[in-house]
Structures are given as structure tokens and as C-alpha cells.
Amino acid sequence: MRNPIGELKGTTTIGVVCRDGVILATDTRATMGTYVASKHAKKVFRITDRLAMTVAGGVAVAQRVVDILRINARLFELDKGRPMPVAAAARLVSNVLFANREVGMPLPLQALVGGFDESGPHVFALDPLGSLTEEKVVSTGSGSPIAYGVLEDQYREDRPVDEMLPIVVRAVDSAMKRDVASGDSFDVAVVTEDGFRELSPEEKRALLS
């Protein structure tokens, strides 16, 4: 849980743009203050075959915003006959967050929206007030300073997904080891021109070793 406009109290999420796709990674610990509420919390979600989203903050808010994006992405495909662009998906989430700011209580949610569209791979970062920025490499949550220590040293935009996966896994693993509010396990999703997929437990173990 977190103060809507204050410092995040838990979670590590990572978004990275590669030459041929994007990588999104999160830890799986959910906390309420010093209490570990779940060791298997889902924080990275498939929106469509070309879109995914990570969440940090209030669980109920996160699940609701994910549902809103999924429904609107599907409606866009039915109406336009093509997948929703990554920028349009991020702008939709931004509008939802911004609208709640105007009623006096920002939603406790920080999100990354990533995917692959006609213009290539993209990752957008959103804060609780609806601010929207496109990033090449980004991390959110209380474990982000540790993750950045790995990412900023090793990240190269021209690297393919396969080369960046071990670096992203090392970054989230480092955050889990050093940030008390991140931990237990981690999820990794990849979105390329071929679609969305999550790494299996065997793939994650192999990357860690």
C-alpha cells in the first residue's frame, strides 16, 4: 500500500525497451505496512497480445484499471480493426488517473504500460496524478533505486530481448534481496511482434543461475 502522492512503500517493477520488444518484470510480494499480505501477488498483466501493464499501489484500484484498459483495448480492436497503439493505451490510463485527481483523491496507483505496435516497442510510465512519460528503461516502487543500479550500468537500447532478459532478472532479484517490501518471487513478461508471453518457472531459474 502507499500514500497516493507520496513515496511508494513496496514493490519493484521494471520496464525495458529492447531492439525487438519490451520486457516487464515485477516482484510478487504484497504488503500492508510491515505485514506481508501475499507472497504470490500478480503485478504484471496481459492486456492484449501486444499490450501489457505492471501495477504498484492499491490492489483494488490496480485490478479495476487493468479491467478498464482490457475492455477498451478490445473495443478499439473491434471498432478500428487493428490493435490499440501502446501510446493510446497509456493515454487512456493517464486519463483515468487524472480524472480522479480532479475529485480530490488521486488513485494509489503507479503503472507501466508496454507493448509492441506498428511503430515498434514502447514503454510508458504513469504516476498517481496521471503524468505520462515514455521511457527506454524505467523502474518503480521502493526497490527501484536498487534495480536502477543494475539497469543503468548494463542497459543498451540496441540489445535484443534475449540479451536483456538476464540483466532485467538480475535487477529485480537484486531489489528483492535488498528491499524488505519486495520479495518472495518475480514475474517476467515479454511483448514482441510475435505477441505476449510470460517466462516459465524453469526459464526464470535458468536466468538466475
N, C-alpha and C. Protein backbone atom coordinates (compact mmCIF):
# COMPACT_ATOMS: atom_id res chain seq x y z
N MET A 1 0.85 -1.20 0.00
CA MET A 1 0.00 0.00 0.00
C MET A 1 0.89 1.24 0.00
N ARG A 2 0.31 2.37 -0.39
CA ARG A 2 1.14 3.57 -0.48
C ARG A 2 0.28 4.81 -0.32
N ASN A 3 0.93 5.88 0.09
CA ASN A 3 0.33 7.20 0.04
C ASN A 3 0.14 7.58 -1.42
N PRO A 4 -1.07 8.03 -1.85
CA PRO A 4 -1.32 8.28 -3.26
C PRO A 4 -0.32 9.22 -3.91
N ILE A 5 0.21 10.19 -3.20
CA ILE A 5 1.15 11.10 -3.84
C ILE A 5 2.50 11.12 -3.12
N GLY A 6 2.69 10.13 -2.25
CA GLY A 6 3.94 10.07 -1.51
C GLY A 6 4.85 8.97 -2.05
N GLU A 7 5.84 8.63 -1.24
CA GLU A 7 6.81 7.64 -1.65
C GLU A 7 6.19 6.26 -1.58
N LEU A 8 6.46 5.44 -2.59
CA LEU A 8 5.94 4.08 -2.63
C LEU A 8 6.52 3.26 -1.48
N LYS A 9 5.66 2.48 -0.82
CA LYS A 9 6.09 1.73 0.36
C LYS A 9 6.44 0.29 0.05
N GLY A 10 6.27 -0.17 -1.16
CA GLY A 10 6.58 -1.55 -1.51
C GLY A 10 6.64 -1.73 -3.01
N THR A 11 7.06 -2.94 -3.42
CA THR A 11 7.03 -3.34 -4.83
C THR A 11 8.27 -2.91 -5.61
N THR A 12 8.62 -3.74 -6.58
CA THR A 12 9.60 -3.38 -7.59
C THR A 12 9.02 -3.77 -8.95
N THR A 13 8.91 -2.81 -9.84
CA THR A 13 8.50 -3.10 -11.22
C THR A 13 9.54 -2.51 -12.16
N ILE A 14 9.72 -3.17 -13.31
CA ILE A 14 10.72 -2.77 -14.29
C ILE A 14 10.12 -2.84 -15.69
N GLY A 15 10.43 -1.84 -16.51
CA GLY A 15 10.07 -1.85 -17.91
C GLY A 15 11.27 -1.48 -18.76
N VAL A 16 11.55 -2.26 -19.79
CA VAL A 16 12.73 -2.06 -20.62
C VAL A 16 12.36 -2.20 -22.09
N VAL A 17 12.80 -1.23 -22.90
CA VAL A 17 12.61 -1.31 -24.35
C VAL A 17 13.86 -1.93 -24.97
N CYS A 18 13.66 -2.96 -25.77
CA CYS A 18 14.76 -3.63 -26.47
C CYS A 18 14.61 -3.41 -27.98
N ARG A 19 15.56 -3.92 -28.71
CA ARG A 19 15.54 -3.74 -30.16
C ARG A 19 14.30 -4.38 -30.79
N ASP A 20 13.87 -5.52 -30.23
CA ASP A 20 12.80 -6.29 -30.85
C ASP A 20 11.59 -6.50 -29.95
N GLY A 21 11.50 -5.74 -28.86
CA GLY A 21 10.34 -5.89 -27.98
C GLY A 21 10.54 -5.20 -26.66
N VAL A 22 9.66 -5.49 -25.71
CA VAL A 22 9.77 -4.92 -24.37
C VAL A 22 9.76 -6.04 -23.33
N ILE A 23 10.39 -5.76 -22.20
CA ILE A 23 10.40 -6.67 -21.07
C ILE A 23 9.78 -5.95 -19.88
N LEU A 24 8.84 -6.60 -19.21
CA LEU A 24 8.23 -6.08 -17.99
C LEU A 24 8.44 -7.11 -16.89
N ALA A 25 8.91 -6.66 -15.73
CA ALA A 25 9.19 -7.58 -14.62
C ALA A 25 8.71 -6.97 -13.32
N THR A 26 8.26 -7.82 -12.40
CA THR A 26 7.82 -7.37 -11.08
C THR A 26 8.16 -8.44 -10.04
N ASP A 27 8.24 -8.00 -8.78
CA ASP A 27 8.27 -8.97 -7.70
C ASP A 27 6.85 -9.42 -7.41
N THR A 28 6.66 -10.32 -6.44
CA THR A 28 5.31 -10.85 -6.18
C THR A 28 4.86 -10.67 -4.74
N ARG A 29 5.52 -9.80 -3.99
CA ARG A 29 5.15 -9.59 -2.58
C ARG A 29 4.16 -8.45 -2.46
N ALA A 30 3.07 -8.67 -1.73
CA ALA A 30 2.10 -7.62 -1.41
C ALA A 30 2.15 -7.36 0.09
N THR A 31 2.29 -6.10 0.46
CA THR A 31 2.44 -5.76 1.88
C THR A 31 1.35 -4.79 2.33
N MET A 32 1.07 -4.85 3.64
CA MET A 32 0.24 -3.86 4.31
C MET A 32 1.04 -3.37 5.50
N GLY A 33 1.77 -2.26 5.30
CA GLY A 33 2.69 -1.81 6.33
C GLY A 33 3.84 -2.81 6.43
N THR A 34 4.06 -3.35 7.63
CA THR A 34 5.11 -4.35 7.82
C THR A 34 4.60 -5.78 7.66
N TYR A 35 3.32 -5.93 7.35
CA TYR A 35 2.71 -7.26 7.21
C TYR A 35 2.77 -7.71 5.76
N VAL A 36 3.26 -8.92 5.52
CA VAL A 36 3.29 -9.49 4.16
C VAL A 36 1.93 -10.14 3.92
N ALA A 37 1.09 -9.48 3.11
CA ALA A 37 -0.27 -9.96 2.88
C ALA A 37 -0.30 -11.11 1.88
N SER A 38 0.62 -11.13 0.93
CA SER A 38 0.66 -12.22 -0.05
C SER A 38 2.08 -12.35 -0.59
N LYS A 39 2.47 -13.60 -0.85
CA LYS A 39 3.76 -13.87 -1.47
C LYS A 39 3.63 -14.14 -2.96
N HIS A 40 2.39 -14.13 -3.45
CA HIS A 40 2.15 -14.51 -4.86
C HIS A 40 1.26 -13.49 -5.57
N ALA A 41 1.43 -12.22 -5.26
CA ALA A 41 0.60 -11.18 -5.86
C ALA A 41 0.95 -10.99 -7.34
N LYS A 42 -0.07 -10.87 -8.15
CA LYS A 42 0.13 -10.64 -9.58
C LYS A 42 0.24 -9.15 -9.83
N LYS A 43 1.36 -8.72 -10.47
CA LYS A 43 1.58 -7.30 -10.71
C LYS A 43 1.88 -6.98 -12.17
N VAL A 44 1.98 -8.01 -13.01
CA VAL A 44 2.13 -7.78 -14.44
C VAL A 44 0.99 -8.51 -15.15
N PHE A 45 0.30 -7.79 -16.05
CA PHE A 45 -0.93 -8.30 -16.64
C PHE A 45 -0.88 -8.23 -18.16
N ARG A 46 -1.37 -9.26 -18.82
CA ARG A 46 -1.59 -9.23 -20.25
C ARG A 46 -2.85 -8.43 -20.52
N ILE A 47 -2.76 -7.42 -21.39
CA ILE A 47 -3.94 -6.65 -21.79
C ILE A 47 -4.46 -7.19 -23.12
N THR A 48 -3.59 -7.28 -24.12
CA THR A 48 -3.88 -7.93 -25.40
C THR A 48 -2.61 -8.70 -25.79
N ASP A 49 -2.62 -9.27 -26.99
CA ASP A 49 -1.42 -9.97 -27.46
C ASP A 49 -0.25 -9.03 -27.65
N ARG A 50 -0.51 -7.73 -27.76
CA ARG A 50 0.56 -6.75 -28.00
C ARG A 50 0.72 -5.74 -26.88
N LEU A 51 -0.05 -5.88 -25.81
CA LEU A 51 -0.03 -4.90 -24.72
C LEU A 51 0.07 -5.59 -23.37
N ALA A 52 0.81 -4.97 -22.44
CA ALA A 52 0.88 -5.47 -21.08
C ALA A 52 1.02 -4.29 -20.13
N MET A 53 0.81 -4.56 -18.84
CA MET A 53 0.81 -3.47 -17.86
C MET A 53 1.32 -4.00 -16.53
N THR A 54 2.15 -3.21 -15.84
CA THR A 54 2.54 -3.53 -14.47
C THR A 54 1.87 -2.53 -13.53
N VAL A 55 1.68 -2.96 -12.28
CA VAL A 55 1.00 -2.11 -11.30
C VAL A 55 1.76 -2.10 -9.99
N ALA A 56 1.69 -0.97 -9.30
CA ALA A 56 2.22 -0.82 -7.95
C ALA A 56 1.28 0.11 -7.21
N GLY A 57 0.84 -0.32 -6.02
CA GLY A 57 -0.07 0.53 -5.26
C GLY A 57 -1.22 -0.27 -4.69
N GLY A 58 -2.40 0.35 -4.65
CA GLY A 58 -3.59 -0.30 -4.11
C GLY A 58 -4.08 -1.41 -5.01
N VAL A 59 -4.31 -2.61 -4.44
CA VAL A 59 -4.67 -3.77 -5.24
C VAL A 59 -6.01 -3.59 -5.95
N ALA A 60 -7.02 -3.13 -5.23
CA ALA A 60 -8.34 -2.98 -5.83
C ALA A 60 -8.32 -1.97 -6.98
N VAL A 61 -7.65 -0.86 -6.77
CA VAL A 61 -7.53 0.16 -7.83
C VAL A 61 -6.80 -0.41 -9.04
N ALA A 62 -5.71 -1.12 -8.79
CA ALA A 62 -4.93 -1.69 -9.88
C ALA A 62 -5.76 -2.66 -10.71
N GLN A 63 -6.50 -3.54 -10.05
CA GLN A 63 -7.32 -4.51 -10.76
C GLN A 63 -8.41 -3.83 -11.59
N ARG A 64 -8.98 -2.78 -11.04
CA ARG A 64 -10.03 -2.05 -11.76
C ARG A 64 -9.47 -1.34 -13.00
N VAL A 65 -8.31 -0.71 -12.87
CA VAL A 65 -7.72 -0.01 -14.02
C VAL A 65 -7.30 -1.01 -15.09
N VAL A 66 -6.78 -2.16 -14.69
CA VAL A 66 -6.45 -3.20 -15.66
C VAL A 66 -7.70 -3.63 -16.43
N ASP A 67 -8.81 -3.82 -15.73
CA ASP A 67 -10.06 -4.21 -16.39
C ASP A 67 -10.53 -3.14 -17.38
N ILE A 68 -10.43 -1.87 -16.97
CA ILE A 68 -10.84 -0.77 -17.86
C ILE A 68 -9.99 -0.78 -19.13
N LEU A 69 -8.69 -0.96 -18.98
CA LEU A 69 -7.82 -0.96 -20.15
C LEU A 69 -8.10 -2.17 -21.05
N ARG A 70 -8.29 -3.32 -20.46
CA ARG A 70 -8.58 -4.52 -21.26
C ARG A 70 -9.85 -4.35 -22.09
N ILE A 71 -10.89 -3.84 -21.45
CA ILE A 71 -12.17 -3.68 -22.15
C ILE A 71 -12.04 -2.68 -23.29
N ASN A 72 -11.39 -1.56 -23.02
CA ASN A 72 -11.27 -0.52 -24.05
C ASN A 72 -10.32 -0.93 -25.17
N ALA A 73 -9.30 -1.71 -24.85
CA ALA A 73 -8.41 -2.21 -25.90
C ALA A 73 -9.17 -3.16 -26.83
N ARG A 74 -10.03 -3.97 -26.26
CA ARG A 74 -10.84 -4.89 -27.08
C ARG A 74 -11.84 -4.12 -27.93
N LEU A 75 -12.48 -3.11 -27.33
CA LEU A 75 -13.43 -2.30 -28.09
C LEU A 75 -12.74 -1.56 -29.24
N PHE A 76 -11.51 -1.08 -28.98
CA PHE A 76 -10.74 -0.40 -30.04
C PHE A 76 -10.49 -1.36 -31.20
N GLU A 77 -10.11 -2.60 -30.91
CA GLU A 77 -9.85 -3.57 -31.96
C GLU A 77 -11.11 -3.87 -32.76
N LEU A 78 -12.24 -3.98 -32.08
CA LEU A 78 -13.50 -4.26 -32.78
C LEU A 78 -13.92 -3.09 -33.65
N ASP A 79 -13.69 -1.87 -33.16
CA ASP A 79 -14.12 -0.67 -33.88
C ASP A 79 -13.18 -0.33 -35.03
N LYS A 80 -11.87 -0.41 -34.79
CA LYS A 80 -10.89 0.04 -35.78
C LYS A 80 -10.33 -1.09 -36.64
N GLY A 81 -10.50 -2.32 -36.19
CA GLY A 81 -9.98 -3.44 -36.95
C GLY A 81 -8.47 -3.59 -36.85
N ARG A 82 -7.87 -3.01 -35.82
CA ARG A 82 -6.43 -3.10 -35.60
C ARG A 82 -6.15 -2.97 -34.11
N PRO A 83 -4.98 -3.43 -33.66
CA PRO A 83 -4.67 -3.36 -32.23
C PRO A 83 -4.53 -1.91 -31.76
N MET A 84 -4.86 -1.67 -30.50
CA MET A 84 -4.68 -0.35 -29.90
C MET A 84 -3.19 -0.03 -29.80
N PRO A 85 -2.75 1.14 -30.27
CA PRO A 85 -1.34 1.53 -30.11
C PRO A 85 -0.97 1.65 -28.63
N VAL A 86 0.29 1.44 -28.34
CA VAL A 86 0.76 1.49 -26.95
C VAL A 86 0.52 2.89 -26.36
N ALA A 87 0.78 3.92 -27.16
CA ALA A 87 0.60 5.29 -26.66
C ALA A 87 -0.86 5.57 -26.32
N ALA A 88 -1.78 5.05 -27.12
CA ALA A 88 -3.21 5.24 -26.86
C ALA A 88 -3.62 4.54 -25.57
N ALA A 89 -3.09 3.34 -25.33
CA ALA A 89 -3.40 2.61 -24.11
C ALA A 89 -2.88 3.36 -22.89
N ALA A 90 -1.67 3.89 -22.99
CA ALA A 90 -1.11 4.65 -21.87
C ALA A 90 -1.90 5.92 -21.62
N ARG A 91 -2.33 6.58 -22.69
CA ARG A 91 -3.11 7.81 -22.54
C ARG A 91 -4.45 7.52 -21.87
N LEU A 92 -5.06 6.39 -22.16
CA LEU A 92 -6.31 6.02 -21.51
C LEU A 92 -6.12 5.87 -20.01
N VAL A 93 -5.06 5.17 -19.60
CA VAL A 93 -4.78 5.02 -18.16
C VAL A 93 -4.50 6.39 -17.54
N SER A 94 -3.76 7.23 -18.26
CA SER A 94 -3.48 8.58 -17.77
C SER A 94 -4.76 9.36 -17.53
N ASN A 95 -5.71 9.25 -18.45
CA ASN A 95 -6.99 9.97 -18.31
C ASN A 95 -7.77 9.49 -17.09
N VAL A 96 -7.75 8.17 -16.85
CA VAL A 96 -8.44 7.62 -15.68
C VAL A 96 -7.84 8.18 -14.39
N LEU A 97 -6.51 8.18 -14.32
CA LEU A 97 -5.83 8.69 -13.12
C LEU A 97 -6.04 10.19 -12.96
N PHE A 98 -5.95 10.93 -14.06
CA PHE A 98 -6.12 12.39 -14.00
C PHE A 98 -7.52 12.77 -13.56
N ALA A 99 -8.53 12.03 -14.05
CA ALA A 99 -9.92 12.34 -13.70
C ALA A 99 -10.15 12.22 -12.20
N ASN A 100 -9.51 11.26 -11.56
CA ASN A 100 -9.69 11.10 -10.12
C ASN A 100 -8.92 12.15 -9.34
N ARG A 101 -7.86 12.68 -9.90
CA ARG A 101 -7.16 13.78 -9.24
C ARG A 101 -8.09 14.97 -9.08
N GLU A 102 -8.94 15.19 -10.06
CA GLU A 102 -9.81 16.36 -10.05
C GLU A 102 -10.90 16.28 -8.99
N VAL A 103 -11.22 15.06 -8.51
CA VAL A 103 -12.23 14.94 -7.45
C VAL A 103 -11.59 14.95 -6.07
N GLY A 104 -10.29 15.21 -5.99
CA GLY A 104 -9.66 15.46 -4.71
C GLY A 104 -8.87 14.32 -4.11
N MET A 105 -8.91 13.13 -4.70
CA MET A 105 -8.17 11.99 -4.14
C MET A 105 -7.53 11.20 -5.26
N PRO A 106 -6.23 11.40 -5.51
CA PRO A 106 -5.55 10.62 -6.54
C PRO A 106 -5.63 9.12 -6.25
N LEU A 107 -5.75 8.32 -7.28
CA LEU A 107 -5.77 6.87 -7.10
C LEU A 107 -4.37 6.37 -6.70
N PRO A 108 -4.30 5.46 -5.74
CA PRO A 108 -3.00 4.95 -5.29
C PRO A 108 -2.44 3.93 -6.29
N LEU A 109 -1.99 4.41 -7.43
CA LEU A 109 -1.52 3.50 -8.47
C LEU A 109 -0.37 4.14 -9.26
N GLN A 110 0.69 3.39 -9.42
CA GLN A 110 1.76 3.74 -10.34
C GLN A 110 1.87 2.59 -11.33
N ALA A 111 1.92 2.90 -12.62
CA ALA A 111 1.81 1.85 -13.63
C ALA A 111 2.86 2.02 -14.73
N LEU A 112 3.18 0.91 -15.36
CA LEU A 112 3.94 0.89 -16.59
C LEU A 112 3.09 0.21 -17.65
N VAL A 113 2.96 0.85 -18.80
CA VAL A 113 2.24 0.26 -19.94
C VAL A 113 3.25 0.03 -21.05
N GLY A 114 3.38 -1.21 -21.48
CA GLY A 114 4.36 -1.53 -22.50
C GLY A 114 3.78 -2.43 -23.57
N GLY A 115 4.39 -2.39 -24.74
CA GLY A 115 3.92 -3.26 -25.80
C GLY A 115 4.62 -3.01 -27.11
N PHE A 116 4.08 -3.64 -28.15
CA PHE A 116 4.66 -3.56 -29.49
C PHE A 116 3.54 -3.21 -30.46
N ASP A 117 3.74 -2.14 -31.26
CA ASP A 117 2.74 -1.76 -32.25
C ASP A 117 3.41 -1.46 -33.58
N GLU A 118 2.70 -0.78 -34.48
CA GLU A 118 3.22 -0.53 -35.83
C GLU A 118 4.50 0.29 -35.82
N SER A 119 4.71 1.08 -34.77
CA SER A 119 5.91 1.92 -34.69
C SER A 119 7.02 1.27 -33.86
N GLY A 120 6.81 0.04 -33.39
CA GLY A 120 7.83 -0.67 -32.65
C GLY A 120 7.51 -0.84 -31.17
N PRO A 121 8.52 -1.14 -30.36
CA PRO A 121 8.31 -1.35 -28.93
C PRO A 121 8.29 -0.04 -28.15
N HIS A 122 7.44 0.03 -27.12
CA HIS A 122 7.32 1.25 -26.31
C HIS A 122 7.01 0.87 -24.87
N VAL A 123 7.49 1.71 -23.93
CA VAL A 123 7.11 1.61 -22.52
C VAL A 123 6.78 3.01 -22.03
N PHE A 124 5.64 3.15 -21.35
CA PHE A 124 5.21 4.43 -20.77
C PHE A 124 5.06 4.26 -19.26
N ALA A 125 5.47 5.28 -18.52
CA ALA A 125 5.36 5.30 -17.06
C ALA A 125 4.30 6.31 -16.65
N LEU A 126 3.47 5.91 -15.67
CA LEU A 126 2.39 6.78 -15.18
C LEU A 126 2.44 6.86 -13.67
N ASP A 127 2.21 8.08 -13.14
CA ASP A 127 2.14 8.24 -11.69
C ASP A 127 0.69 8.43 -11.26
N PRO A 128 0.41 8.49 -9.94
CA PRO A 128 -0.98 8.58 -9.48
C PRO A 128 -1.73 9.81 -9.96
N LEU A 129 -1.04 10.86 -10.37
CA LEU A 129 -1.71 12.08 -10.83
C LEU A 129 -1.99 12.06 -12.33
N GLY A 130 -1.59 10.99 -13.02
CA GLY A 130 -1.86 10.89 -14.44
C GLY A 130 -0.72 11.37 -15.32
N SER A 131 0.38 11.79 -14.73
CA SER A 131 1.54 12.21 -15.53
C SER A 131 2.03 11.03 -16.36
N LEU A 132 2.41 11.30 -17.61
CA LEU A 132 2.74 10.24 -18.56
C LEU A 132 4.06 10.57 -19.25
N THR A 133 5.00 9.63 -19.20
CA THR A 133 6.27 9.81 -19.89
C THR A 133 6.65 8.51 -20.59
N GLU A 134 7.21 8.65 -21.79
CA GLU A 134 7.74 7.47 -22.48
C GLU A 134 9.19 7.28 -22.05
N GLU A 135 9.54 6.03 -21.73
CA GLU A 135 10.87 5.72 -21.21
C GLU A 135 11.48 4.56 -22.00
N LYS A 136 12.81 4.51 -22.00
CA LYS A 136 13.52 3.36 -22.57
C LYS A 136 13.79 2.31 -21.50
N VAL A 137 14.10 2.77 -20.29
CA VAL A 137 14.30 1.88 -19.16
C VAL A 137 13.76 2.58 -17.92
N VAL A 138 12.92 1.90 -17.14
CA VAL A 138 12.26 2.55 -16.01
C VAL A 138 11.98 1.51 -14.93
N SER A 139 12.03 1.96 -13.68
CA SER A 139 11.67 1.11 -12.56
C SER A 139 10.85 1.94 -11.57
N THR A 140 9.86 1.31 -10.94
CA THR A 140 9.05 1.99 -9.93
C THR A 140 9.05 1.16 -8.66
N GLY A 141 8.63 1.80 -7.57
CA GLY A 141 8.50 1.11 -6.30
C GLY A 141 9.68 1.33 -5.39
N SER A 142 9.57 0.81 -4.19
CA SER A 142 10.61 1.05 -3.18
C SER A 142 11.91 0.35 -3.52
N GLY A 143 11.85 -0.67 -4.37
CA GLY A 143 13.07 -1.36 -4.78
C GLY A 143 13.72 -0.75 -6.01
N SER A 144 13.14 0.31 -6.55
CA SER A 144 13.64 0.87 -7.81
C SER A 144 15.06 1.42 -7.73
N PRO A 145 15.48 2.08 -6.63
CA PRO A 145 16.87 2.56 -6.61
C PRO A 145 17.89 1.43 -6.77
N ILE A 146 17.58 0.27 -6.21
CA ILE A 146 18.49 -0.87 -6.34
C ILE A 146 18.44 -1.42 -7.76
N ALA A 147 17.24 -1.53 -8.32
CA ALA A 147 17.10 -2.03 -9.69
C ALA A 147 17.82 -1.11 -10.67
N TYR A 148 17.70 0.20 -10.46
CA TYR A 148 18.38 1.15 -11.35
C TYR A 148 19.90 0.97 -11.31
N GLY A 149 20.43 0.58 -10.19
CA GLY A 149 21.86 0.37 -10.09
C GLY A 149 22.36 -0.67 -11.08
N VAL A 150 21.54 -1.70 -11.33
CA VAL A 150 21.89 -2.72 -12.32
C VAL A 150 21.54 -2.25 -13.72
N LEU A 151 20.35 -1.69 -13.89
CA LEU A 151 19.86 -1.34 -15.22
C LEU A 151 20.70 -0.25 -15.88
N GLU A 152 21.02 0.79 -15.13
CA GLU A 152 21.74 1.91 -15.74
C GLU A 152 23.17 1.54 -16.11
N ASP A 153 23.70 0.51 -15.48
CA ASP A 153 25.05 0.07 -15.82
C ASP A 153 25.05 -0.86 -17.04
N GLN A 154 23.99 -1.66 -17.18
CA GLN A 154 24.00 -2.73 -18.18
C GLN A 154 23.07 -2.49 -19.37
N TYR A 155 22.14 -1.56 -19.27
CA TYR A 155 21.15 -1.41 -20.33
C TYR A 155 21.74 -0.82 -21.61
N ARG A 156 21.38 -1.41 -22.74
CA ARG A 156 21.71 -0.89 -24.05
C ARG A 156 20.48 -1.04 -24.93
N GLU A 157 20.03 0.07 -25.51
CA GLU A 157 18.78 0.06 -26.26
C GLU A 157 18.83 -0.85 -27.49
N ASP A 158 20.01 -1.03 -28.07
CA ASP A 158 20.11 -1.81 -29.29
C ASP A 158 20.21 -3.31 -29.03
N ARG A 159 20.17 -3.74 -27.77
CA ARG A 159 20.23 -5.16 -27.47
C ARG A 159 18.89 -5.84 -27.70
N PRO A 160 18.87 -7.08 -28.18
CA PRO A 160 17.61 -7.81 -28.32
C PRO A 160 17.09 -8.29 -26.97
N VAL A 161 15.85 -8.75 -26.96
CA VAL A 161 15.21 -9.21 -25.74
C VAL A 161 16.03 -10.31 -25.06
N ASP A 162 16.51 -11.28 -25.82
CA ASP A 162 17.24 -12.40 -25.24
C ASP A 162 18.48 -11.96 -24.47
N GLU A 163 19.13 -10.89 -24.93
CA GLU A 163 20.32 -10.42 -24.24
C GLU A 163 19.98 -9.58 -23.01
N MET A 164 18.84 -8.91 -23.03
CA MET A 164 18.46 -8.06 -21.91
C MET A 164 17.76 -8.82 -20.79
N LEU A 165 17.20 -9.99 -21.08
CA LEU A 165 16.47 -10.74 -20.05
C LEU A 165 17.31 -11.05 -18.81
N PRO A 166 18.55 -11.54 -18.96
CA PRO A 166 19.33 -11.80 -17.74
C PRO A 166 19.60 -10.55 -16.92
N ILE A 167 19.74 -9.41 -17.58
CA ILE A 167 20.01 -8.15 -16.87
C ILE A 167 18.77 -7.71 -16.09
N VAL A 168 17.59 -7.80 -16.72
CA VAL A 168 16.35 -7.44 -16.03
C VAL A 168 16.10 -8.36 -14.84
N VAL A 169 16.33 -9.65 -15.03
CA VAL A 169 16.15 -10.60 -13.93
C VAL A 169 17.13 -10.30 -12.79
N ARG A 170 18.37 -9.96 -13.13
CA ARG A 170 19.34 -9.61 -12.10
C ARG A 170 18.91 -8.36 -11.35
N ALA A 171 18.32 -7.40 -12.07
CA ALA A 171 17.88 -6.15 -11.44
C ALA A 171 16.75 -6.40 -10.44
N VAL A 172 15.74 -7.17 -10.85
CA VAL A 172 14.62 -7.41 -9.93
C VAL A 172 15.05 -8.32 -8.79
N ASP A 173 15.95 -9.26 -9.05
CA ASP A 173 16.45 -10.13 -7.99
C ASP A 173 17.25 -9.34 -6.96
N SER A 174 18.06 -8.39 -7.43
CA SER A 174 18.84 -7.54 -6.52
C SER A 174 17.92 -6.71 -5.62
N ALA A 175 16.85 -6.16 -6.22
CA ALA A 175 15.89 -5.37 -5.44
C ALA A 175 15.20 -6.23 -4.39
N MET A 176 14.84 -7.46 -4.75
CA MET A 176 14.17 -8.35 -3.82
C MET A 176 15.07 -8.71 -2.63
N LYS A 177 16.37 -8.80 -2.88
CA LYS A 177 17.31 -9.17 -1.82
C LYS A 177 17.59 -8.02 -0.86
N ARG A 178 17.41 -6.78 -1.32
CA ARG A 178 17.84 -5.63 -0.52
C ARG A 178 16.71 -4.70 -0.07
N ASP A 179 15.52 -4.87 -0.66
CA ASP A 179 14.37 -4.06 -0.26
C ASP A 179 13.38 -4.95 0.48
N VAL A 180 13.10 -4.63 1.74
CA VAL A 180 12.27 -5.51 2.57
C VAL A 180 10.83 -5.59 2.06
N ALA A 181 10.35 -4.59 1.33
CA ALA A 181 8.98 -4.59 0.84
C ALA A 181 8.83 -5.26 -0.52
N SER A 182 9.94 -5.74 -1.10
CA SER A 182 9.90 -6.51 -2.34
C SER A 182 10.45 -7.89 -2.06
N GLY A 183 9.90 -8.90 -2.73
CA GLY A 183 10.48 -10.21 -2.48
C GLY A 183 9.64 -11.38 -2.86
N ASP A 184 10.02 -12.55 -2.34
CA ASP A 184 9.38 -13.85 -2.50
C ASP A 184 9.64 -14.47 -3.86
N SER A 185 9.14 -13.87 -4.92
CA SER A 185 9.38 -14.39 -6.26
C SER A 185 9.24 -13.23 -7.25
N PHE A 186 9.29 -13.54 -8.55
CA PHE A 186 9.14 -12.49 -9.54
C PHE A 186 8.50 -13.04 -10.80
N ASP A 187 7.86 -12.15 -11.54
CA ASP A 187 7.25 -12.48 -12.83
C ASP A 187 7.91 -11.65 -13.91
N VAL A 188 8.08 -12.25 -15.09
CA VAL A 188 8.67 -11.56 -16.23
C VAL A 188 7.80 -11.81 -17.45
N ALA A 189 7.42 -10.73 -18.14
CA ALA A 189 6.64 -10.83 -19.37
C ALA A 189 7.40 -10.17 -20.51
N VAL A 190 7.27 -10.75 -21.69
CA VAL A 190 7.92 -10.23 -22.89
C VAL A 190 6.84 -9.97 -23.94
N VAL A 191 6.91 -8.80 -24.57
CA VAL A 191 5.99 -8.48 -25.67
C VAL A 191 6.83 -8.15 -26.90
N THR A 192 6.64 -8.93 -27.96
CA THR A 192 7.34 -8.71 -29.21
C THR A 192 6.34 -8.69 -30.35
N GLU A 193 6.83 -8.64 -31.57
CA GLU A 193 5.95 -8.70 -32.74
C GLU A 193 5.17 -10.01 -32.77
N ASP A 194 5.71 -11.04 -32.13
CA ASP A 194 5.04 -12.34 -32.10
C ASP A 194 3.97 -12.44 -31.02
N GLY A 195 3.90 -11.45 -30.13
CA GLY A 195 2.87 -11.44 -29.11
C GLY A 195 3.41 -11.43 -27.69
N PHE A 196 2.50 -11.68 -26.74
CA PHE A 196 2.80 -11.64 -25.30
C PHE A 196 3.11 -13.04 -24.79
N ARG A 197 4.10 -13.12 -23.92
CA ARG A 197 4.34 -14.38 -23.21
C ARG A 197 5.00 -14.09 -21.87
N GLU A 198 4.71 -14.95 -20.91
CA GLU A 198 5.37 -14.88 -19.61
C GLU A 198 6.40 -15.99 -19.50
N LEU A 199 7.50 -15.70 -18.85
CA LEU A 199 8.53 -16.71 -18.67
C LEU A 199 8.04 -17.79 -17.70
N SER A 200 8.40 -19.01 -18.00
CA SER A 200 8.05 -20.14 -17.14
C SER A 200 8.96 -20.16 -15.91
N PRO A 201 8.58 -20.89 -14.86
CA PRO A 201 9.47 -21.01 -13.70
C PRO A 201 10.84 -21.58 -14.08
N GLU A 202 10.86 -22.50 -15.02
CA GLU A 202 12.14 -23.08 -15.45
C GLU A 202 13.01 -22.03 -16.13
N GLU A 203 12.42 -21.20 -16.97
CA GLU A 203 13.18 -20.13 -17.64
C GLU A 203 13.73 -19.14 -16.64
N LYS A 204 12.94 -18.78 -15.63
CA LYS A 204 13.38 -17.83 -14.63
C LYS A 204 14.52 -18.40 -13.79
N ARG A 205 14.42 -19.68 -13.44
CA ARG A 205 15.50 -20.30 -12.68
C ARG A 205 16.80 -20.34 -13.49
N ALA A 206 16.66 -20.64 -14.78
CA ALA A 206 17.84 -20.71 -15.64
C ALA A 206 18.51 -19.34 -15.76
N LEU A 207 17.72 -18.28 -15.85
CA LEU A 207 18.29 -16.93 -15.96
C LEU A 207 18.97 -16.51 -14.67
N LEU A 208 18.42 -16.92 -13.54
CA LEU A 208 19.04 -16.58 -12.26
C LEU A 208 20.37 -17.28 -12.07
N SER A 209 20.48 -18.48 -12.62
CA SER A 209 21.70 -19.27 -12.41
C SER A 209 22.79 -18.91 -13.42
